[in-house]
Amino acid sequence: MFEKTSLLYICTTLEAIEKIEIYSGSFQNGQELREANDQMNFNAISRLLLAIGEETKKIEEPLLNLQPQINWISIVGLRNRMAHDYRGIDADIIFDIVKVELLPLKNALLYLLRHFSIPRKDLKDLVTSSYFKHIGYVSTYLQIID
């Protein structure tokens, strides 16, 4: 079916999304996000968005094609823009991405997980490891849809 490396990229992206939700939860707009905690939340979110762009570009194209409503190219493009134009990052655009775009991406990634032939126990061991401590729900999610 699909390579296990794509599974790792998907899990890493899901973990980044969960962390972004934690780090951005209490803010009402981009300026609040940028200015809070000496920009610590904004910088962490920016780094995680870079990771999302890097990980999603490594997922096998046939797998990505199963979710054509996601603009995978734009995700990588955001990563490239953020990596090369740090001072040009608009806090309101980042905030909008966090609050509007990440949930559809998360749902698409969860859908993609259905296409791996990996024993459920192995998947559970993976998503409950210390590295993926925020996505333990994945194994339950996959059991529910079976």
N, C-alpha and C. Protein backbone atom coordinates (compact mmCIF):
# COMPACT_ATOMS: atom_id res chain seq x y z
N MET A 1 0.83 -1.18 0.00
CA MET A 1 0.00 0.00 0.00
C MET A 1 0.88 1.26 0.00
N PHE A 2 1.01 1.94 1.13
CA PHE A 2 1.85 3.14 1.20
C PHE A 2 2.99 2.91 2.17
N GLU A 3 4.08 3.64 1.96
CA GLU A 3 5.27 3.47 2.78
C GLU A 3 5.04 3.99 4.21
N LYS A 4 5.69 3.32 5.15
CA LYS A 4 5.55 3.71 6.55
C LYS A 4 6.18 5.08 6.81
N THR A 5 7.11 5.51 5.96
CA THR A 5 7.68 6.85 6.17
C THR A 5 6.61 7.91 6.02
N SER A 6 5.68 7.72 5.09
CA SER A 6 4.57 8.67 4.96
C SER A 6 3.71 8.68 6.22
N LEU A 7 3.56 7.53 6.84
CA LEU A 7 2.83 7.45 8.10
C LEU A 7 3.51 8.32 9.16
N LEU A 8 4.82 8.26 9.24
CA LEU A 8 5.55 9.08 10.20
C LEU A 8 5.40 10.57 9.90
N TYR A 9 5.42 10.92 8.62
CA TYR A 9 5.24 12.33 8.25
C TYR A 9 3.85 12.83 8.63
N ILE A 10 2.85 11.98 8.43
CA ILE A 10 1.49 12.35 8.80
C ILE A 10 1.38 12.51 10.31
N CYS A 11 1.92 11.57 11.05
CA CYS A 11 1.86 11.65 12.52
C CYS A 11 2.60 12.88 13.05
N THR A 12 3.74 13.18 12.46
CA THR A 12 4.50 14.37 12.88
C THR A 12 3.69 15.63 12.60
N THR A 13 3.02 15.67 11.47
CA THR A 13 2.19 16.82 11.13
C THR A 13 1.01 16.94 12.08
N LEU A 14 0.36 15.83 12.39
CA LEU A 14 -0.74 15.86 13.35
C LEU A 14 -0.27 16.34 14.72
N GLU A 15 0.89 15.87 15.14
CA GLU A 15 1.45 16.32 16.43
C GLU A 15 1.69 17.83 16.41
N ALA A 16 2.22 18.34 15.31
CA ALA A 16 2.46 19.79 15.19
C ALA A 16 1.14 20.56 15.25
N ILE A 17 0.11 20.05 14.60
CA ILE A 17 -1.19 20.71 14.63
C ILE A 17 -1.73 20.76 16.05
N GLU A 18 -1.61 19.66 16.77
CA GLU A 18 -2.10 19.64 18.15
C GLU A 18 -1.34 20.64 19.02
N LYS A 19 -0.04 20.71 18.85
CA LYS A 19 0.74 21.68 19.63
C LYS A 19 0.36 23.11 19.27
N ILE A 20 0.14 23.37 17.99
CA ILE A 20 -0.30 24.71 17.59
C ILE A 20 -1.62 25.06 18.25
N GLU A 21 -2.55 24.11 18.31
CA GLU A 21 -3.83 24.37 18.97
C GLU A 21 -3.63 24.73 20.43
N ILE A 22 -2.71 24.05 21.09
CA ILE A 22 -2.42 24.35 22.49
C ILE A 22 -1.81 25.74 22.62
N TYR A 23 -0.83 26.05 21.78
CA TYR A 23 -0.09 27.31 21.90
C TYR A 23 -0.90 28.53 21.46
N SER A 24 -1.95 28.31 20.67
CA SER A 24 -2.71 29.45 20.14
C SER A 24 -4.09 29.60 20.76
N GLY A 25 -4.47 28.69 21.62
CA GLY A 25 -5.84 28.60 22.10
C GLY A 25 -6.46 29.85 22.67
N SER A 26 -5.73 30.65 23.42
CA SER A 26 -6.34 31.77 24.14
C SER A 26 -6.27 33.10 23.42
N PHE A 27 -5.68 33.15 22.27
CA PHE A 27 -5.50 34.44 21.59
C PHE A 27 -6.67 34.76 20.67
N GLN A 28 -6.96 36.04 20.56
CA GLN A 28 -8.11 36.49 19.77
C GLN A 28 -7.74 37.03 18.40
N ASN A 29 -6.47 37.35 18.19
CA ASN A 29 -6.05 37.89 16.89
C ASN A 29 -4.54 37.73 16.74
N GLY A 30 -4.07 38.06 15.57
CA GLY A 30 -2.66 37.88 15.25
C GLY A 30 -1.74 38.75 16.09
N GLN A 31 -2.15 39.97 16.37
CA GLN A 31 -1.29 40.86 17.16
C GLN A 31 -1.12 40.33 18.58
N GLU A 32 -2.20 39.87 19.18
CA GLU A 32 -2.11 39.26 20.51
C GLU A 32 -1.14 38.09 20.50
N LEU A 33 -1.30 37.26 19.50
CA LEU A 33 -0.44 36.09 19.37
C LEU A 33 1.02 36.49 19.23
N ARG A 34 1.30 37.46 18.39
CA ARG A 34 2.69 37.88 18.15
C ARG A 34 3.32 38.49 19.39
N GLU A 35 2.57 39.25 20.14
CA GLU A 35 3.15 40.01 21.26
C GLU A 35 3.21 39.23 22.57
N ALA A 36 2.44 38.19 22.72
CA ALA A 36 2.36 37.48 24.00
C ALA A 36 3.65 36.75 24.32
N ASN A 37 3.98 36.71 25.60
CA ASN A 37 5.10 35.91 26.11
C ASN A 37 6.40 36.16 25.36
N ASP A 38 6.68 37.44 25.12
CA ASP A 38 7.91 37.81 24.41
C ASP A 38 8.02 37.06 23.07
N GLN A 39 6.90 36.90 22.40
CA GLN A 39 6.75 36.25 21.09
C GLN A 39 7.00 34.74 21.13
N MET A 40 7.04 34.16 22.31
CA MET A 40 7.33 32.73 22.42
C MET A 40 6.28 31.88 21.70
N ASN A 41 4.99 32.15 21.91
CA ASN A 41 3.95 31.37 21.26
C ASN A 41 4.01 31.54 19.74
N PHE A 42 4.19 32.77 19.30
CA PHE A 42 4.25 33.04 17.86
C PHE A 42 5.44 32.33 17.23
N ASN A 43 6.58 32.38 17.89
CA ASN A 43 7.77 31.72 17.35
C ASN A 43 7.60 30.20 17.34
N ALA A 44 7.00 29.66 18.37
CA ALA A 44 6.78 28.21 18.41
C ALA A 44 5.82 27.79 17.30
N ILE A 45 4.75 28.54 17.12
CA ILE A 45 3.78 28.23 16.07
C ILE A 45 4.42 28.36 14.70
N SER A 46 5.22 29.39 14.52
CA SER A 46 5.91 29.56 13.23
C SER A 46 6.81 28.37 12.94
N ARG A 47 7.53 27.92 13.94
CA ARG A 47 8.42 26.76 13.77
C ARG A 47 7.61 25.51 13.43
N LEU A 48 6.49 25.33 14.08
CA LEU A 48 5.65 24.17 13.82
C LEU A 48 5.03 24.23 12.42
N LEU A 49 4.67 25.42 11.96
CA LEU A 49 4.16 25.55 10.60
C LEU A 49 5.25 25.21 9.58
N LEU A 50 6.49 25.57 9.88
CA LEU A 50 7.60 25.16 9.03
C LEU A 50 7.70 23.64 8.98
N ALA A 51 7.57 23.02 10.13
CA ALA A 51 7.64 21.55 10.20
C ALA A 51 6.49 20.92 9.40
N ILE A 52 5.31 21.49 9.48
CA ILE A 52 4.16 20.97 8.73
C ILE A 52 4.46 21.02 7.23
N GLY A 53 4.99 22.13 6.77
CA GLY A 53 5.34 22.25 5.35
C GLY A 53 6.40 21.27 4.93
N GLU A 54 7.38 21.08 5.79
CA GLU A 54 8.47 20.15 5.48
C GLU A 54 7.96 18.70 5.46
N GLU A 55 7.16 18.33 6.44
CA GLU A 55 6.68 16.95 6.52
C GLU A 55 5.68 16.63 5.41
N THR A 56 4.77 17.54 5.11
CA THR A 56 3.76 17.24 4.09
C THR A 56 4.37 17.12 2.70
N LYS A 57 5.48 17.82 2.44
CA LYS A 57 6.07 17.69 1.11
C LYS A 57 6.74 16.33 0.91
N LYS A 58 6.95 15.59 1.99
CA LYS A 58 7.57 14.27 1.91
C LYS A 58 6.56 13.13 1.79
N ILE A 59 5.29 13.42 2.00
CA ILE A 59 4.25 12.39 1.90
C ILE A 59 4.11 12.00 0.43
N GLU A 60 3.94 10.73 0.19
CA GLU A 60 3.82 10.22 -1.18
C GLU A 60 2.68 10.92 -1.93
N GLU A 61 2.96 11.32 -3.15
CA GLU A 61 1.97 12.06 -3.94
C GLU A 61 0.66 11.29 -4.16
N PRO A 62 0.69 9.99 -4.44
CA PRO A 62 -0.58 9.28 -4.60
C PRO A 62 -1.45 9.32 -3.34
N LEU A 63 -0.81 9.38 -2.21
CA LEU A 63 -1.55 9.49 -0.96
C LEU A 63 -2.17 10.88 -0.83
N LEU A 64 -1.39 11.90 -1.13
CA LEU A 64 -1.91 13.28 -1.09
C LEU A 64 -3.07 13.46 -2.07
N ASN A 65 -2.99 12.78 -3.20
CA ASN A 65 -4.05 12.90 -4.21
C ASN A 65 -5.40 12.39 -3.73
N LEU A 66 -5.40 11.63 -2.63
CA LEU A 66 -6.66 11.16 -2.05
C LEU A 66 -7.43 12.30 -1.35
N GLN A 67 -6.76 13.40 -1.13
CA GLN A 67 -7.37 14.56 -0.49
C GLN A 67 -7.10 15.82 -1.33
N PRO A 68 -7.70 15.88 -2.52
CA PRO A 68 -7.39 16.98 -3.43
C PRO A 68 -7.92 18.35 -2.98
N GLN A 69 -8.82 18.37 -2.01
CA GLN A 69 -9.34 19.64 -1.53
C GLN A 69 -8.31 20.41 -0.69
N ILE A 70 -7.26 19.73 -0.27
CA ILE A 70 -6.19 20.40 0.46
C ILE A 70 -5.16 20.90 -0.54
N ASN A 71 -4.80 22.15 -0.41
CA ASN A 71 -3.81 22.73 -1.31
C ASN A 71 -2.41 22.44 -0.76
N TRP A 72 -1.93 21.25 -1.04
CA TRP A 72 -0.65 20.79 -0.53
C TRP A 72 0.50 21.69 -0.98
N ILE A 73 0.40 22.20 -2.17
CA ILE A 73 1.46 23.06 -2.70
C ILE A 73 1.55 24.36 -1.89
N SER A 74 0.41 24.88 -1.47
CA SER A 74 0.41 26.11 -0.67
C SER A 74 1.01 25.88 0.71
N ILE A 75 0.82 24.69 1.24
CA ILE A 75 1.40 24.37 2.55
C ILE A 75 2.92 24.42 2.46
N VAL A 76 3.46 23.82 1.42
CA VAL A 76 4.91 23.86 1.20
C VAL A 76 5.35 25.28 0.88
N GLY A 77 4.55 26.00 0.12
CA GLY A 77 4.87 27.38 -0.21
C GLY A 77 4.95 28.27 1.03
N LEU A 78 4.03 28.05 1.97
CA LEU A 78 4.07 28.80 3.22
C LEU A 78 5.37 28.50 3.96
N ARG A 79 5.74 27.24 3.99
CA ARG A 79 6.98 26.85 4.65
C ARG A 79 8.17 27.57 4.02
N ASN A 80 8.21 27.60 2.70
CA ASN A 80 9.33 28.25 2.01
C ASN A 80 9.34 29.75 2.28
N ARG A 81 8.18 30.36 2.26
CA ARG A 81 8.09 31.80 2.51
C ARG A 81 8.54 32.12 3.92
N MET A 82 8.06 31.33 4.88
CA MET A 82 8.43 31.59 6.28
C MET A 82 9.91 31.36 6.52
N ALA A 83 10.48 30.37 5.88
CA ALA A 83 11.89 30.04 6.08
C ALA A 83 12.82 31.11 5.50
N HIS A 84 12.36 31.80 4.47
CA HIS A 84 13.25 32.73 3.76
C HIS A 84 12.88 34.20 3.96
N ASP A 85 11.77 34.48 4.65
CA ASP A 85 11.34 35.86 4.84
C ASP A 85 10.79 36.03 6.25
N TYR A 86 11.63 35.73 7.24
CA TYR A 86 11.18 35.71 8.63
C TYR A 86 10.54 37.03 9.06
N ARG A 87 11.12 38.15 8.73
CA ARG A 87 10.57 39.43 9.14
C ARG A 87 9.28 39.77 8.40
N GLY A 88 9.05 39.11 7.28
CA GLY A 88 7.85 39.40 6.50
C GLY A 88 6.63 38.57 6.89
N ILE A 89 6.73 37.81 7.96
CA ILE A 89 5.60 36.98 8.39
C ILE A 89 4.52 37.87 8.98
N ASP A 90 3.34 37.80 8.41
CA ASP A 90 2.20 38.59 8.87
C ASP A 90 1.47 37.80 9.95
N ALA A 91 1.40 38.38 11.14
CA ALA A 91 0.79 37.69 12.28
C ALA A 91 -0.68 37.39 12.04
N ASP A 92 -1.39 38.26 11.33
CA ASP A 92 -2.81 38.01 11.06
C ASP A 92 -3.00 36.85 10.10
N ILE A 93 -2.11 36.71 9.13
CA ILE A 93 -2.20 35.57 8.21
C ILE A 93 -1.91 34.27 8.96
N ILE A 94 -0.89 34.29 9.80
CA ILE A 94 -0.57 33.10 10.61
C ILE A 94 -1.76 32.75 11.50
N PHE A 95 -2.34 33.74 12.13
CA PHE A 95 -3.48 33.50 13.00
C PHE A 95 -4.65 32.90 12.22
N ASP A 96 -4.91 33.42 11.03
CA ASP A 96 -5.97 32.90 10.18
C ASP A 96 -5.70 31.45 9.78
N ILE A 97 -4.48 31.16 9.43
CA ILE A 97 -4.11 29.78 9.08
C ILE A 97 -4.38 28.86 10.26
N VAL A 98 -3.96 29.29 11.43
CA VAL A 98 -4.13 28.49 12.64
C VAL A 98 -5.61 28.25 12.94
N LYS A 99 -6.40 29.28 12.84
CA LYS A 99 -7.81 29.18 13.25
C LYS A 99 -8.73 28.63 12.16
N VAL A 100 -8.34 28.72 10.89
CA VAL A 100 -9.24 28.32 9.80
C VAL A 100 -8.72 27.11 9.02
N GLU A 101 -7.44 27.07 8.74
CA GLU A 101 -6.91 26.07 7.81
C GLU A 101 -6.45 24.76 8.45
N LEU A 102 -6.10 24.79 9.72
CA LEU A 102 -5.52 23.59 10.32
C LEU A 102 -6.53 22.47 10.57
N LEU A 103 -7.77 22.80 10.90
CA LEU A 103 -8.76 21.75 11.14
C LEU A 103 -9.04 20.94 9.87
N PRO A 104 -9.26 21.57 8.71
CA PRO A 104 -9.43 20.75 7.50
C PRO A 104 -8.19 19.91 7.18
N LEU A 105 -7.00 20.45 7.43
CA LEU A 105 -5.78 19.68 7.21
C LEU A 105 -5.74 18.48 8.16
N LYS A 106 -6.05 18.71 9.40
CA LYS A 106 -6.08 17.62 10.38
C LYS A 106 -7.04 16.52 9.94
N ASN A 107 -8.23 16.91 9.53
CA ASN A 107 -9.22 15.92 9.09
C ASN A 107 -8.75 15.15 7.86
N ALA A 108 -8.09 15.85 6.94
CA ALA A 108 -7.57 15.18 5.74
C ALA A 108 -6.48 14.18 6.12
N LEU A 109 -5.62 14.55 7.03
CA LEU A 109 -4.55 13.65 7.46
C LEU A 109 -5.12 12.42 8.17
N LEU A 110 -6.14 12.63 8.99
CA LEU A 110 -6.79 11.49 9.64
C LEU A 110 -7.38 10.54 8.60
N TYR A 111 -7.96 11.11 7.57
CA TYR A 111 -8.50 10.29 6.48
C TYR A 111 -7.38 9.49 5.81
N LEU A 112 -6.25 10.11 5.58
CA LEU A 112 -5.13 9.43 4.93
C LEU A 112 -4.62 8.26 5.76
N LEU A 113 -4.71 8.36 7.06
CA LEU A 113 -4.26 7.27 7.92
C LEU A 113 -5.02 5.97 7.68
N ARG A 114 -6.22 6.07 7.17
CA ARG A 114 -7.02 4.88 6.89
C ARG A 114 -6.41 4.01 5.79
N HIS A 115 -5.50 4.56 5.02
CA HIS A 115 -4.97 3.88 3.85
C HIS A 115 -3.64 3.17 4.08
N PHE A 116 -3.31 2.97 5.33
CA PHE A 116 -2.09 2.25 5.67
C PHE A 116 -2.46 0.87 6.18
N SER A 117 -1.72 -0.11 5.73
CA SER A 117 -1.94 -1.46 6.24
C SER A 117 -0.88 -1.72 7.31
N ILE A 118 -1.18 -1.26 8.49
CA ILE A 118 -0.29 -1.44 9.63
C ILE A 118 -1.14 -2.02 10.76
N PRO A 119 -0.63 -3.00 11.45
CA PRO A 119 -1.40 -3.55 12.57
C PRO A 119 -1.79 -2.45 13.56
N ARG A 120 -3.02 -2.50 14.02
CA ARG A 120 -3.52 -1.45 14.93
C ARG A 120 -2.65 -1.33 16.18
N LYS A 121 -2.12 -2.44 16.67
CA LYS A 121 -1.26 -2.39 17.85
C LYS A 121 -0.01 -1.58 17.55
N ASP A 122 0.58 -1.79 16.38
CA ASP A 122 1.78 -1.03 16.00
C ASP A 122 1.47 0.46 15.89
N LEU A 123 0.32 0.77 15.31
CA LEU A 123 -0.09 2.17 15.20
C LEU A 123 -0.31 2.77 16.58
N LYS A 124 -0.97 2.03 17.45
CA LYS A 124 -1.20 2.52 18.80
C LYS A 124 0.12 2.76 19.52
N ASP A 125 1.07 1.84 19.38
CA ASP A 125 2.38 2.02 19.99
C ASP A 125 3.06 3.29 19.46
N LEU A 126 2.92 3.53 18.16
CA LEU A 126 3.52 4.71 17.54
C LEU A 126 2.91 5.99 18.09
N VAL A 127 1.59 6.08 18.03
CA VAL A 127 0.94 7.35 18.38
C VAL A 127 0.84 7.60 19.88
N THR A 128 1.20 6.62 20.68
CA THR A 128 1.23 6.85 22.12
C THR A 128 2.66 6.93 22.64
N SER A 129 3.63 7.00 21.73
CA SER A 129 5.03 7.16 22.15
C SER A 129 5.22 8.56 22.71
N SER A 130 6.32 8.77 23.40
CA SER A 130 6.57 10.07 24.01
C SER A 130 6.73 11.18 22.97
N TYR A 131 7.16 10.83 21.76
CA TYR A 131 7.32 11.84 20.71
C TYR A 131 5.96 12.35 20.23
N PHE A 132 5.00 11.46 20.18
CA PHE A 132 3.67 11.82 19.69
C PHE A 132 2.66 11.86 20.84
N LYS A 133 2.97 12.59 21.87
CA LYS A 133 2.14 12.55 23.07
C LYS A 133 0.78 13.24 22.93
N HIS A 134 0.56 13.99 21.87
CA HIS A 134 -0.72 14.70 21.71
C HIS A 134 -1.66 14.05 20.69
N ILE A 135 -1.26 12.92 20.11
CA ILE A 135 -2.12 12.31 19.09
C ILE A 135 -2.53 10.88 19.44
N GLY A 136 -2.57 10.58 20.71
CA GLY A 136 -3.00 9.25 21.13
C GLY A 136 -4.40 8.91 20.66
N TYR A 137 -5.21 9.94 20.37
CA TYR A 137 -6.58 9.74 19.89
C TYR A 137 -6.63 9.03 18.54
N VAL A 138 -5.54 9.01 17.80
CA VAL A 138 -5.54 8.43 16.45
C VAL A 138 -5.93 6.96 16.47
N SER A 139 -5.38 6.20 17.39
CA SER A 139 -5.72 4.76 17.41
C SER A 139 -7.20 4.55 17.73
N THR A 140 -7.75 5.36 18.62
CA THR A 140 -9.19 5.26 18.92
C THR A 140 -10.01 5.66 17.71
N TYR A 141 -9.60 6.73 17.06
CA TYR A 141 -10.29 7.21 15.86
C TYR A 141 -10.36 6.11 14.79
N LEU A 142 -9.25 5.45 14.57
CA LEU A 142 -9.22 4.41 13.54
C LEU A 142 -10.05 3.19 13.93
N GLN A 143 -10.13 2.88 15.21
CA GLN A 143 -10.97 1.77 15.67
C GLN A 143 -12.45 2.09 15.46
N ILE A 144 -12.83 3.32 15.68
CA ILE A 144 -14.23 3.74 15.54
C ILE A 144 -14.67 3.62 14.08
N ILE A 145 -13.79 3.95 13.13
CA ILE A 145 -14.21 3.93 11.72
C ILE A 145 -14.07 2.56 11.10
N ASP A 146 -13.42 1.62 11.79
CA ASP A 146 -13.29 0.25 11.25
C ASP A 146 -14.64 -0.43 11.14
